[in-house]
Structure formats: structure tokens, C-alpha cells
Amino acid sequence: MIVTPLQTDHIDDVIQLMQLGKPSISARTRSDYWLYASLFSSTCPLAIGEGDAIAGAIIAFRSQDDPADVYVQDVMIHPDYRRQGIARALLNSVQSRAEKWSCQRIYLTSEPENHTAHSAWTNLGFVNVPGDHEIEGISVITDFKGPGRSRAVYELLLPRS
């Protein structure tokens, strides 16, 4: 497996990969992925498996609200490649970039009912941020992504440089 930045020639394959994540992940448009590849490729790593297949992808960027944060928008590992350490390798790539920028944390959000994601994030060292209520033991922040879009928020604090 090779970890490499998202490039424009990967866009169609990344869209197909992200479509496998329904309903938790919605594939973005071709123009969105073109922007990610053109402007944010250092925090949008891909895992390339056998036969140049896209085994996994992370779409992340430095937060515009707080430049000390990197926000992970999407994480998708192809079902044929799960449980092989690919998410960890991709997150390590994002973390390395964030540390070079002297960022303080990486964060992401998830639907509270997505228990598989909750297990993955906590196993990768993320902490569920305290919210204003809990759903089945997962802390949730009401309207985090706008009205009616409550989310579980997870953070990974980075070492101070």
C-alpha cells in the first residue's frame, strides 16, 4: 500500500469510493474534489492498493475558523481493505502535516448513531468531546452543523512543538 496525496487523476475513483459510504458519507462533486486535489492535497491522502485501486481516502483541511485545527471531513476505506491499518496510515499522514503547521488538534464529526465510526475514532486515539446530551452513551452537540444537524464531535490533541 502506498499513501499519496489526492491528485486530479484520482477524482473519479475517489467519487466511487465515497459512494460506498452511504448513508454516512455523501460523495461530493467533481469540482469539489478538483479543489481538494488542487488546494488541499497535503491533507487529503489516498491509500493505493493492489492494481492501483484506491483502498482508502481522507478529505481534510485546515480549519478556517481556527488555524490551529485540522478538520477531517470524510474518511472512507474500501470494504475489501478494512481492518488492515489503512485508516491509521492515512490519519498519520494528516497528523504529520498538521504537526508541521504547528496545529493543536485534529477533529471530526459523526452521526451519533454510527457506532462503528465511534469505535474506529476512539481506537485511533480520538476522544468524544463532551456535548449537551448523550445518545446511547455517545456525547452529542445539538445543531453542531446547523439546525437539526446534531453531531458527535471527536478530537485528537497533537503534541506541542
N, C-alpha and C. Protein backbone atom coordinates (compact mmCIF):
# COMPACT_ATOMS: atom_id res chain seq x y z
N MET A 1 0.84 -1.18 0.00
CA MET A 1 0.00 0.00 0.00
C MET A 1 0.89 1.24 0.00
N ILE A 2 0.47 2.20 -0.81
CA ILE A 2 1.18 3.48 -0.91
C ILE A 2 0.22 4.57 -0.44
N VAL A 3 0.70 5.48 0.40
CA VAL A 3 -0.07 6.66 0.79
C VAL A 3 0.45 7.83 -0.03
N THR A 4 -0.46 8.49 -0.72
CA THR A 4 -0.08 9.57 -1.62
C THR A 4 -1.14 10.67 -1.58
N PRO A 5 -0.77 11.91 -1.87
CA PRO A 5 -1.79 12.98 -1.88
C PRO A 5 -2.80 12.79 -3.02
N LEU A 6 -4.01 13.24 -2.77
CA LEU A 6 -5.05 13.26 -3.80
C LEU A 6 -4.56 14.07 -5.00
N GLN A 7 -4.74 13.51 -6.19
CA GLN A 7 -4.39 14.20 -7.43
C GLN A 7 -5.63 14.20 -8.33
N THR A 8 -5.66 15.13 -9.27
CA THR A 8 -6.85 15.27 -10.10
C THR A 8 -7.18 14.00 -10.88
N ASP A 9 -6.18 13.20 -11.23
CA ASP A 9 -6.48 11.98 -11.99
C ASP A 9 -7.10 10.88 -11.11
N HIS A 10 -7.22 11.10 -9.80
CA HIS A 10 -7.87 10.15 -8.90
C HIS A 10 -9.34 10.46 -8.67
N ILE A 11 -9.83 11.58 -9.17
CA ILE A 11 -11.15 12.08 -8.79
C ILE A 11 -12.27 11.06 -9.02
N ASP A 12 -12.35 10.47 -10.20
CA ASP A 12 -13.44 9.53 -10.48
C ASP A 12 -13.40 8.34 -9.52
N ASP A 13 -12.20 7.83 -9.23
CA ASP A 13 -12.08 6.70 -8.32
C ASP A 13 -12.45 7.09 -6.89
N VAL A 14 -12.11 8.29 -6.48
CA VAL A 14 -12.46 8.75 -5.13
C VAL A 14 -13.97 8.93 -5.01
N ILE A 15 -14.59 9.45 -6.03
CA ILE A 15 -16.06 9.58 -6.01
C ILE A 15 -16.70 8.21 -5.86
N GLN A 16 -16.24 7.22 -6.62
CA GLN A 16 -16.78 5.86 -6.50
C GLN A 16 -16.56 5.31 -5.10
N LEU A 17 -15.39 5.54 -4.54
CA LEU A 17 -15.11 5.08 -3.18
C LEU A 17 -16.05 5.73 -2.18
N MET A 18 -16.20 7.04 -2.25
CA MET A 18 -17.05 7.75 -1.30
C MET A 18 -18.51 7.32 -1.41
N GLN A 19 -18.95 6.96 -2.60
CA GLN A 19 -20.33 6.50 -2.76
C GLN A 19 -20.61 5.21 -1.99
N LEU A 20 -19.56 4.46 -1.68
CA LEU A 20 -19.72 3.23 -0.89
C LEU A 20 -20.05 3.54 0.58
N GLY A 21 -19.87 4.78 1.00
CA GLY A 21 -20.08 5.16 2.38
C GLY A 21 -21.48 5.60 2.74
N LYS A 22 -22.41 5.52 1.78
CA LYS A 22 -23.79 5.94 2.06
C LYS A 22 -24.36 5.10 3.19
N PRO A 23 -25.15 5.63 4.07
CA PRO A 23 -25.66 6.99 4.14
C PRO A 23 -24.79 7.94 4.94
N SER A 24 -23.72 7.43 5.59
CA SER A 24 -22.90 8.28 6.45
C SER A 24 -22.05 9.28 5.68
N ILE A 25 -21.63 8.90 4.48
CA ILE A 25 -20.80 9.78 3.65
C ILE A 25 -21.53 10.02 2.34
N SER A 26 -21.51 11.25 1.91
CA SER A 26 -22.06 11.61 0.60
C SER A 26 -20.90 12.08 -0.27
N ALA A 27 -20.78 11.47 -1.44
CA ALA A 27 -19.73 11.91 -2.36
C ALA A 27 -19.99 13.35 -2.76
N ARG A 28 -18.94 14.10 -2.86
CA ARG A 28 -19.02 15.50 -3.28
C ARG A 28 -19.01 15.53 -4.81
N THR A 29 -19.01 16.73 -5.36
CA THR A 29 -18.99 16.88 -6.82
C THR A 29 -17.57 16.77 -7.35
N ARG A 30 -17.46 16.55 -8.66
CA ARG A 30 -16.13 16.53 -9.30
C ARG A 30 -15.39 17.82 -9.04
N SER A 31 -16.09 18.95 -9.08
CA SER A 31 -15.40 20.23 -8.87
C SER A 31 -14.90 20.36 -7.43
N ASP A 32 -15.65 19.79 -6.46
CA ASP A 32 -15.17 19.79 -5.07
C ASP A 32 -13.86 19.02 -4.97
N TYR A 33 -13.82 17.81 -5.53
CA TYR A 33 -12.61 17.00 -5.45
C TYR A 33 -11.46 17.63 -6.24
N TRP A 34 -11.78 18.34 -7.31
CA TRP A 34 -10.73 19.05 -8.04
C TRP A 34 -10.12 20.12 -7.13
N LEU A 35 -10.96 20.84 -6.37
CA LEU A 35 -10.44 21.83 -5.43
C LEU A 35 -9.60 21.17 -4.34
N TYR A 36 -10.08 20.05 -3.80
CA TYR A 36 -9.31 19.36 -2.77
C TYR A 36 -7.95 18.94 -3.30
N ALA A 37 -7.92 18.39 -4.52
CA ALA A 37 -6.66 17.95 -5.12
C ALA A 37 -5.75 19.13 -5.45
N SER A 38 -6.33 20.24 -5.82
CA SER A 38 -5.55 21.40 -6.23
C SER A 38 -5.08 22.25 -5.06
N LEU A 39 -5.92 22.36 -4.02
CA LEU A 39 -5.61 23.28 -2.92
C LEU A 39 -5.29 22.60 -1.59
N PHE A 40 -5.79 21.38 -1.37
CA PHE A 40 -5.65 20.75 -0.06
C PHE A 40 -5.03 19.36 -0.12
N SER A 41 -4.29 19.07 -1.17
CA SER A 41 -3.82 17.69 -1.36
C SER A 41 -2.94 17.20 -0.21
N SER A 42 -2.26 18.10 0.50
CA SER A 42 -1.37 17.66 1.58
C SER A 42 -2.14 17.10 2.77
N THR A 43 -3.44 17.40 2.86
CA THR A 43 -4.25 16.84 3.94
C THR A 43 -5.38 15.97 3.37
N CYS A 44 -5.24 15.55 2.14
CA CYS A 44 -6.21 14.64 1.51
C CYS A 44 -5.46 13.43 0.96
N PRO A 45 -4.97 12.56 1.87
CA PRO A 45 -4.20 11.41 1.40
C PRO A 45 -5.09 10.27 0.91
N LEU A 46 -4.53 9.52 -0.03
CA LEU A 46 -5.16 8.31 -0.54
C LEU A 46 -4.26 7.13 -0.22
N ALA A 47 -4.87 5.97 -0.02
CA ALA A 47 -4.13 4.71 0.07
C ALA A 47 -4.35 3.97 -1.23
N ILE A 48 -3.27 3.66 -1.91
CA ILE A 48 -3.34 2.95 -3.18
C ILE A 48 -2.96 1.49 -2.91
N GLY A 49 -3.88 0.60 -3.25
CA GLY A 49 -3.67 -0.83 -3.03
C GLY A 49 -3.21 -1.52 -4.30
N GLU A 50 -3.44 -2.82 -4.33
CA GLU A 50 -3.03 -3.63 -5.47
C GLU A 50 -3.71 -3.17 -6.75
N GLY A 51 -2.99 -3.20 -7.85
CA GLY A 51 -3.55 -2.83 -9.14
C GLY A 51 -3.97 -1.37 -9.21
N ASP A 52 -3.34 -0.53 -8.41
CA ASP A 52 -3.64 0.91 -8.38
C ASP A 52 -5.07 1.22 -7.91
N ALA A 53 -5.70 0.29 -7.20
CA ALA A 53 -7.04 0.54 -6.67
C ALA A 53 -6.95 1.49 -5.47
N ILE A 54 -7.93 2.37 -5.36
CA ILE A 54 -8.00 3.27 -4.22
C ILE A 54 -8.56 2.47 -3.05
N ALA A 55 -7.72 2.22 -2.04
CA ALA A 55 -8.11 1.42 -0.88
C ALA A 55 -8.76 2.28 0.20
N GLY A 56 -8.42 3.57 0.21
CA GLY A 56 -8.99 4.46 1.22
C GLY A 56 -8.63 5.90 0.92
N ALA A 57 -9.38 6.80 1.55
CA ALA A 57 -9.14 8.23 1.34
C ALA A 57 -9.60 9.00 2.56
N ILE A 58 -8.90 10.09 2.81
CA ILE A 58 -9.32 11.07 3.82
C ILE A 58 -9.37 12.42 3.12
N ILE A 59 -10.45 13.14 3.38
CA ILE A 59 -10.58 14.52 2.92
C ILE A 59 -10.53 15.39 4.18
N ALA A 60 -9.51 16.21 4.28
CA ALA A 60 -9.31 17.05 5.46
C ALA A 60 -8.69 18.38 5.05
N PHE A 61 -8.87 19.38 5.89
CA PHE A 61 -8.25 20.68 5.63
C PHE A 61 -8.09 21.45 6.91
N ARG A 62 -7.22 22.43 6.84
CA ARG A 62 -7.02 23.32 7.97
C ARG A 62 -8.28 24.14 8.16
N SER A 63 -8.71 24.27 9.39
CA SER A 63 -9.94 24.99 9.70
C SER A 63 -9.80 26.47 9.38
N GLN A 64 -10.82 27.02 8.76
CA GLN A 64 -10.85 28.47 8.51
C GLN A 64 -11.25 29.21 9.78
N ASP A 65 -11.96 28.54 10.68
CA ASP A 65 -12.37 29.17 11.94
C ASP A 65 -11.21 29.28 12.92
N ASP A 66 -10.35 28.26 12.95
CA ASP A 66 -9.23 28.24 13.87
C ASP A 66 -8.06 27.54 13.18
N PRO A 67 -7.04 28.30 12.75
CA PRO A 67 -5.92 27.68 12.02
C PRO A 67 -5.10 26.69 12.84
N ALA A 68 -5.39 26.58 14.13
CA ALA A 68 -4.71 25.58 14.95
C ALA A 68 -5.37 24.21 14.83
N ASP A 69 -6.46 24.13 14.07
CA ASP A 69 -7.22 22.89 13.90
C ASP A 69 -7.15 22.38 12.46
N VAL A 70 -7.17 21.07 12.34
CA VAL A 70 -7.39 20.42 11.05
C VAL A 70 -8.70 19.65 11.18
N TYR A 71 -9.59 19.88 10.24
CA TYR A 71 -10.91 19.24 10.25
C TYR A 71 -10.92 18.11 9.23
N VAL A 72 -11.28 16.92 9.68
CA VAL A 72 -11.42 15.76 8.81
C VAL A 72 -12.88 15.69 8.39
N GLN A 73 -13.11 15.91 7.10
CA GLN A 73 -14.47 15.92 6.56
C GLN A 73 -14.99 14.51 6.27
N ASP A 74 -14.17 13.69 5.61
CA ASP A 74 -14.59 12.34 5.23
C ASP A 74 -13.42 11.37 5.40
N VAL A 75 -13.75 10.18 5.86
CA VAL A 75 -12.82 9.05 5.90
C VAL A 75 -13.58 7.87 5.31
N MET A 76 -13.00 7.27 4.29
CA MET A 76 -13.65 6.11 3.67
C MET A 76 -12.58 5.09 3.30
N ILE A 77 -12.77 3.88 3.80
CA ILE A 77 -11.91 2.75 3.46
C ILE A 77 -12.76 1.77 2.66
N HIS A 78 -12.25 1.34 1.52
CA HIS A 78 -12.97 0.37 0.69
C HIS A 78 -13.23 -0.89 1.52
N PRO A 79 -14.44 -1.45 1.43
CA PRO A 79 -14.76 -2.65 2.23
C PRO A 79 -13.75 -3.79 2.07
N ASP A 80 -13.16 -3.95 0.91
CA ASP A 80 -12.19 -5.02 0.70
C ASP A 80 -10.87 -4.79 1.43
N TYR A 81 -10.64 -3.58 1.93
CA TYR A 81 -9.36 -3.23 2.55
C TYR A 81 -9.50 -2.88 4.03
N ARG A 82 -10.67 -3.04 4.60
CA ARG A 82 -10.87 -2.66 6.00
C ARG A 82 -10.12 -3.59 6.94
N ARG A 83 -9.82 -3.04 8.13
CA ARG A 83 -9.14 -3.76 9.21
C ARG A 83 -7.72 -4.16 8.82
N GLN A 84 -7.08 -3.31 8.00
CA GLN A 84 -5.70 -3.55 7.60
C GLN A 84 -4.79 -2.39 7.98
N GLY A 85 -5.28 -1.46 8.82
CA GLY A 85 -4.46 -0.35 9.27
C GLY A 85 -4.42 0.83 8.31
N ILE A 86 -5.30 0.82 7.31
CA ILE A 86 -5.28 1.90 6.30
C ILE A 86 -5.76 3.21 6.89
N ALA A 87 -6.83 3.20 7.67
CA ALA A 87 -7.30 4.45 8.29
C ALA A 87 -6.21 5.05 9.16
N ARG A 88 -5.52 4.23 9.93
CA ARG A 88 -4.43 4.72 10.77
C ARG A 88 -3.31 5.34 9.93
N ALA A 89 -2.94 4.67 8.85
CA ALA A 89 -1.88 5.20 7.98
C ALA A 89 -2.28 6.54 7.37
N LEU A 90 -3.53 6.64 6.92
CA LEU A 90 -3.99 7.90 6.34
C LEU A 90 -4.06 9.00 7.39
N LEU A 91 -4.57 8.68 8.57
CA LEU A 91 -4.62 9.68 9.64
C LEU A 91 -3.22 10.10 10.09
N ASN A 92 -2.28 9.17 10.09
CA ASN A 92 -0.89 9.53 10.41
C ASN A 92 -0.35 10.54 9.41
N SER A 93 -0.73 10.40 8.15
CA SER A 93 -0.30 11.35 7.12
C SER A 93 -0.89 12.74 7.42
N VAL A 94 -2.17 12.79 7.75
CA VAL A 94 -2.81 14.07 8.09
C VAL A 94 -2.18 14.65 9.34
N GLN A 95 -1.94 13.81 10.33
CA GLN A 95 -1.33 14.28 11.58
C GLN A 95 0.06 14.85 11.34
N SER A 96 0.83 14.20 10.51
CA SER A 96 2.18 14.69 10.20
C SER A 96 2.12 16.09 9.59
N ARG A 97 1.20 16.31 8.66
CA ARG A 97 1.04 17.63 8.05
C ARG A 97 0.60 18.64 9.10
N ALA A 98 -0.36 18.28 9.94
CA ALA A 98 -0.87 19.17 10.97
C ALA A 98 0.25 19.57 11.94
N GLU A 99 1.10 18.63 12.30
CA GLU A 99 2.21 18.94 13.21
C GLU A 99 3.22 19.87 12.55
N LYS A 100 3.45 19.72 11.24
CA LYS A 100 4.35 20.63 10.53
C LYS A 100 3.81 22.05 10.54
N TRP A 101 2.49 22.18 10.56
CA TRP A 101 1.85 23.50 10.63
C TRP A 101 1.71 24.00 12.06
N SER A 102 2.17 23.22 13.03
CA SER A 102 2.05 23.54 14.46
C SER A 102 0.58 23.60 14.90
N CYS A 103 -0.25 22.80 14.29
CA CYS A 103 -1.65 22.73 14.71
C CYS A 103 -1.73 22.07 16.08
N GLN A 104 -2.85 22.32 16.76
CA GLN A 104 -3.04 21.78 18.10
C GLN A 104 -3.96 20.58 18.16
N ARG A 105 -4.83 20.44 17.16
CA ARG A 105 -5.73 19.29 17.19
C ARG A 105 -6.25 18.96 15.80
N ILE A 106 -6.68 17.72 15.69
CA ILE A 106 -7.43 17.24 14.53
C ILE A 106 -8.81 16.89 15.06
N TYR A 107 -9.84 17.31 14.37
CA TYR A 107 -11.17 16.93 14.82
C TYR A 107 -12.03 16.49 13.66
N LEU A 108 -13.09 15.77 14.02
CA LEU A 108 -14.04 15.28 13.04
C LEU A 108 -15.38 15.11 13.73
N THR A 109 -16.40 14.93 12.92
CA THR A 109 -17.74 14.73 13.46
C THR A 109 -18.32 13.45 12.87
N SER A 110 -19.35 12.95 13.56
CA SER A 110 -20.01 11.74 13.09
C SER A 110 -21.45 11.77 13.56
N GLU A 111 -22.29 11.04 12.86
CA GLU A 111 -23.66 10.87 13.33
C GLU A 111 -23.61 10.07 14.61
N PRO A 112 -24.39 10.48 15.62
CA PRO A 112 -24.32 9.79 16.91
C PRO A 112 -24.66 8.31 16.85
N GLU A 113 -25.51 7.92 15.91
CA GLU A 113 -25.90 6.50 15.82
C GLU A 113 -24.89 5.64 15.08
N ASN A 114 -23.81 6.22 14.57
CA ASN A 114 -22.80 5.48 13.83
C ASN A 114 -21.79 4.89 14.83
N HIS A 115 -22.16 3.78 15.44
CA HIS A 115 -21.32 3.15 16.47
C HIS A 115 -20.03 2.58 15.90
N THR A 116 -20.05 2.16 14.65
CA THR A 116 -18.81 1.67 14.02
C THR A 116 -17.79 2.80 13.93
N ALA A 117 -18.24 3.98 13.53
CA ALA A 117 -17.33 5.14 13.47
C ALA A 117 -16.83 5.49 14.86
N HIS A 118 -17.72 5.48 15.85
CA HIS A 118 -17.32 5.80 17.22
C HIS A 118 -16.19 4.88 17.67
N SER A 119 -16.33 3.58 17.42
CA SER A 119 -15.29 2.62 17.80
C SER A 119 -13.99 2.90 17.05
N ALA A 120 -14.11 3.19 15.76
CA ALA A 120 -12.90 3.47 14.96
C ALA A 120 -12.18 4.70 15.50
N TRP A 121 -12.91 5.79 15.76
CA TRP A 121 -12.24 7.02 16.21
C TRP A 121 -11.57 6.83 17.56
N THR A 122 -12.28 6.19 18.49
CA THR A 122 -11.67 6.00 19.81
C THR A 122 -10.48 5.05 19.74
N ASN A 123 -10.54 4.03 18.89
CA ASN A 123 -9.39 3.14 18.72
C ASN A 123 -8.20 3.84 18.09
N LEU A 124 -8.45 4.91 17.34
CA LEU A 124 -7.38 5.68 16.71
C LEU A 124 -6.90 6.83 17.58
N GLY A 125 -7.38 6.89 18.83
CA GLY A 125 -6.88 7.89 19.77
C GLY A 125 -7.73 9.14 19.91
N PHE A 126 -8.82 9.23 19.16
CA PHE A 126 -9.70 10.39 19.27
C PHE A 126 -10.56 10.27 20.53
N VAL A 127 -10.93 11.42 21.08
CA VAL A 127 -11.78 11.48 22.26
C VAL A 127 -13.10 12.13 21.86
N ASN A 128 -14.20 11.54 22.31
CA ASN A 128 -15.53 12.11 22.08
C ASN A 128 -15.67 13.35 22.97
N VAL A 129 -15.80 14.51 22.34
CA VAL A 129 -15.88 15.79 23.05
C VAL A 129 -17.21 15.87 23.80
N PRO A 130 -17.18 16.31 25.06
CA PRO A 130 -18.45 16.45 25.80
C PRO A 130 -19.41 17.39 25.07
N GLY A 131 -20.65 16.96 25.00
CA GLY A 131 -21.68 17.76 24.33
C GLY A 131 -22.76 18.16 25.32
N ASP A 132 -23.93 18.45 24.79
CA ASP A 132 -25.02 18.88 25.66
C ASP A 132 -26.01 17.75 25.96
N HIS A 133 -25.82 16.58 25.33
CA HIS A 133 -26.62 15.41 25.67
C HIS A 133 -25.93 14.16 25.13
N GLU A 134 -26.46 13.01 25.52
CA GLU A 134 -25.90 11.73 25.06
C GLU A 134 -26.97 10.93 24.33
N ILE A 135 -26.49 10.17 23.34
CA ILE A 135 -27.34 9.22 22.65
C ILE A 135 -26.62 7.88 22.72
N GLU A 136 -27.24 6.93 23.42
CA GLU A 136 -26.66 5.59 23.58
C GLU A 136 -25.19 5.65 24.02
N GLY A 137 -24.91 6.52 24.99
CA GLY A 137 -23.57 6.62 25.57
C GLY A 137 -22.59 7.47 24.79
N ILE A 138 -23.01 8.06 23.68
CA ILE A 138 -22.12 8.91 22.88
C ILE A 138 -22.54 10.35 23.09
N SER A 139 -21.56 11.19 23.45
CA SER A 139 -21.83 12.60 23.70
C SER A 139 -22.07 13.33 22.38
N VAL A 140 -23.09 14.19 22.37
CA VAL A 140 -23.55 14.84 21.13
C VAL A 140 -23.73 16.34 21.37
N ILE A 141 -23.38 17.13 20.38
CA ILE A 141 -23.59 18.57 20.42
C ILE A 141 -24.77 18.89 19.49
N THR A 142 -25.81 19.47 20.07
CA THR A 142 -27.01 19.82 19.32
C THR A 142 -26.69 20.89 18.27
N ASP A 143 -27.20 20.69 17.07
CA ASP A 143 -27.09 21.66 15.97
C ASP A 143 -25.65 22.04 15.64
N PHE A 144 -24.70 21.13 15.84
CA PHE A 144 -23.28 21.43 15.59
C PHE A 144 -23.03 21.85 14.14
N LYS A 145 -23.72 21.22 13.21
CA LYS A 145 -23.55 21.55 11.79
C LYS A 145 -24.76 22.26 11.23
N GLY A 146 -25.44 23.02 12.10
CA GLY A 146 -26.62 23.76 11.68
C GLY A 146 -27.87 23.17 12.30
N PRO A 147 -28.98 23.88 12.16
CA PRO A 147 -30.25 23.42 12.75
C PRO A 147 -30.61 21.99 12.32
N GLY A 148 -30.87 21.16 13.31
CA GLY A 148 -31.24 19.78 13.03
C GLY A 148 -30.09 18.87 12.67
N ARG A 149 -28.86 19.37 12.76
CA ARG A 149 -27.69 18.57 12.36
C ARG A 149 -26.76 18.36 13.56
N SER A 150 -27.29 17.68 14.56
CA SER A 150 -26.51 17.38 15.75
C SER A 150 -25.45 16.32 15.43
N ARG A 151 -24.29 16.43 16.06
CA ARG A 151 -23.19 15.52 15.75
C ARG A 151 -22.41 15.17 17.01
N ALA A 152 -21.84 13.97 16.97
CA ALA A 152 -20.81 13.59 17.93
C ALA A 152 -19.52 14.20 17.38
N VAL A 153 -18.77 14.87 18.24
CA VAL A 153 -17.52 15.51 17.83
C VAL A 153 -16.37 14.76 18.51
N TYR A 154 -15.31 14.52 17.75
CA TYR A 154 -14.14 13.80 18.24
C TYR A 154 -12.91 14.66 17.98
N GLU A 155 -11.96 14.61 18.92
CA GLU A 155 -10.72 15.36 18.74
C GLU A 155 -9.52 14.50 19.09
N LEU A 156 -8.44 14.81 18.41
CA LEU A 156 -7.14 14.21 18.70
C LEU A 156 -6.20 15.38 18.98
N LEU A 157 -5.78 15.52 20.24
CA LEU A 157 -4.86 16.60 20.58
C LEU A 157 -3.46 16.23 20.10
N LEU A 158 -2.78 17.20 19.52
CA LEU A 158 -1.45 16.97 18.97
C LEU A 158 -0.39 17.43 19.95
N PRO A 159 0.79 16.80 19.89
CA PRO A 159 1.86 17.22 20.81
C PRO A 159 2.26 18.67 20.54
N ARG A 160 2.56 19.38 21.61
CA ARG A 160 3.02 20.77 21.47
C ARG A 160 4.46 20.74 20.98
N SER A 161 4.73 21.63 20.01
CA SER A 161 6.11 21.67 19.49
C SER A 161 6.96 22.66 20.25
